[in-house]
Amino acid sequence: MSNSIPFPLARRISLIRSIADELDQVHGPQANTYWRTRIAGIVSGLRADGLNDDTIREQILSLQDAVQYEIQHRAHQAGASALNA
């Protein structure tokens, strides 16, 4: 099994933004369901690429951090825009 990640999940800006976009639209149990479904698909792809479970876990945790950062960044920008309006 390979542990090489040519395109780490946390660097895939379009992936991060698309997940953040969707999570902006859904909340509560729907957000949880969306996240679990999306991550299951990503994990399946990483397994098919031959990554081991530890590497996959690291990638998913890094992706989660990146998505959280994107959501927080958007909230901060929205707050700053409201203050300047």
Protein backbone atom coordinates (compact mmCIF):
# COMPACT_ATOMS: atom_id res chain seq x y z
CA MET A 1 0.00 0.00 0.00
CA SER A 2 1.14 3.48 -0.81
CA ASN A 3 1.31 6.30 1.70
CA SER A 4 2.21 8.97 -0.84
CA ILE A 5 -0.36 11.73 -1.16
CA PRO A 6 0.28 13.70 -4.36
CA PHE A 7 -2.71 15.98 -3.70
CA PRO A 8 -3.44 16.18 0.06
CA LEU A 9 -7.12 16.71 0.85
CA ALA A 10 -6.43 19.81 2.95
CA ARG A 11 -4.86 21.48 -0.12
CA ARG A 12 -7.78 20.78 -2.45
CA ILE A 13 -9.33 24.23 -2.32
CA SER A 14 -12.29 23.41 -4.56
CA LEU A 15 -13.14 20.39 -2.39
CA ILE A 16 -12.89 22.44 0.79
CA ARG A 17 -15.03 25.24 -0.62
CA SER A 18 -17.67 22.90 -2.02
CA ILE A 19 -18.04 21.19 1.36
CA ALA A 20 -18.17 24.55 3.15
CA ASP A 21 -20.77 25.79 0.63
CA GLU A 22 -22.99 22.82 1.32
CA LEU A 23 -22.55 23.10 5.10
CA ASP A 24 -23.58 26.77 4.86
CA GLN A 25 -26.92 25.55 3.51
CA VAL A 26 -27.66 22.68 5.92
CA HIS A 27 -27.54 22.50 9.70
CA GLY A 28 -27.99 20.03 12.54
CA PRO A 29 -28.70 16.42 11.62
CA GLN A 30 -28.75 17.24 7.89
CA ALA A 31 -25.25 18.69 8.11
CA ASN A 32 -24.06 15.61 9.97
CA THR A 33 -25.60 13.32 7.36
CA TYR A 34 -24.07 15.35 4.54
CA TRP A 35 -20.62 15.29 6.17
CA ARG A 36 -20.70 11.55 6.85
CA THR A 37 -21.88 10.76 3.32
CA ARG A 38 -19.30 13.01 1.68
CA ILE A 39 -16.47 11.66 3.84
CA ALA A 40 -17.52 8.05 3.19
CA GLY A 41 -17.16 8.69 -0.53
CA ILE A 42 -13.76 10.30 -0.07
CA VAL A 43 -12.56 7.46 2.16
CA SER A 44 -13.72 4.93 -0.41
CA GLY A 45 -11.70 6.70 -3.08
CA LEU A 46 -8.60 6.88 -0.90
CA ARG A 47 -8.86 3.16 -0.12
CA ALA A 48 -9.22 2.42 -3.82
CA ASP A 49 -6.03 4.41 -4.35
CA GLY A 50 -4.29 2.05 -1.92
CA LEU A 51 -3.84 4.30 1.10
CA ASN A 52 -3.69 2.70 4.52
CA ASP A 53 -6.14 3.52 7.31
CA ASP A 54 -3.71 5.70 9.30
CA THR A 55 -2.96 7.85 6.27
CA ILE A 56 -6.65 8.12 5.41
CA ARG A 57 -7.45 9.17 8.98
CA GLU A 58 -4.76 11.87 8.85
CA GLN A 59 -6.12 13.12 5.53
CA ILE A 60 -9.71 13.26 6.78
CA LEU A 61 -8.72 15.08 9.98
CA SER A 62 -6.69 17.60 7.95
CA LEU A 63 -9.63 18.08 5.59
CA GLN A 64 -11.95 18.61 8.56
CA ASP A 65 -9.62 21.28 9.93
CA ALA A 66 -9.45 22.99 6.53
CA VAL A 67 -13.24 23.00 6.15
CA GLN A 68 -13.67 24.39 9.68
CA TYR A 69 -11.13 27.11 8.91
CA GLU A 70 -12.97 28.01 5.70
CA ILE A 71 -16.31 28.24 7.53
CA GLN A 72 -14.79 30.39 10.29
CA HIS A 73 -13.04 32.59 7.73
CA ARG A 74 -16.33 33.18 5.93
CA ALA A 75 -18.10 34.04 9.18
CA HIS A 76 -15.33 36.47 10.10
CA GLN A 77 -15.52 38.12 6.67
CA ALA A 78 -19.30 38.42 6.93
CA GLY A 79 -18.98 40.00 10.37
CA ALA A 80 -16.36 42.46 9.16
CA SER A 81 -18.51 43.38 6.16
CA ALA A 82 -21.50 44.02 8.43
CA LEU A 83 -19.43 46.30 10.65
CA ASN A 84 -18.22 48.30 7.65
CA ALA A 85 -21.69 48.70 6.13
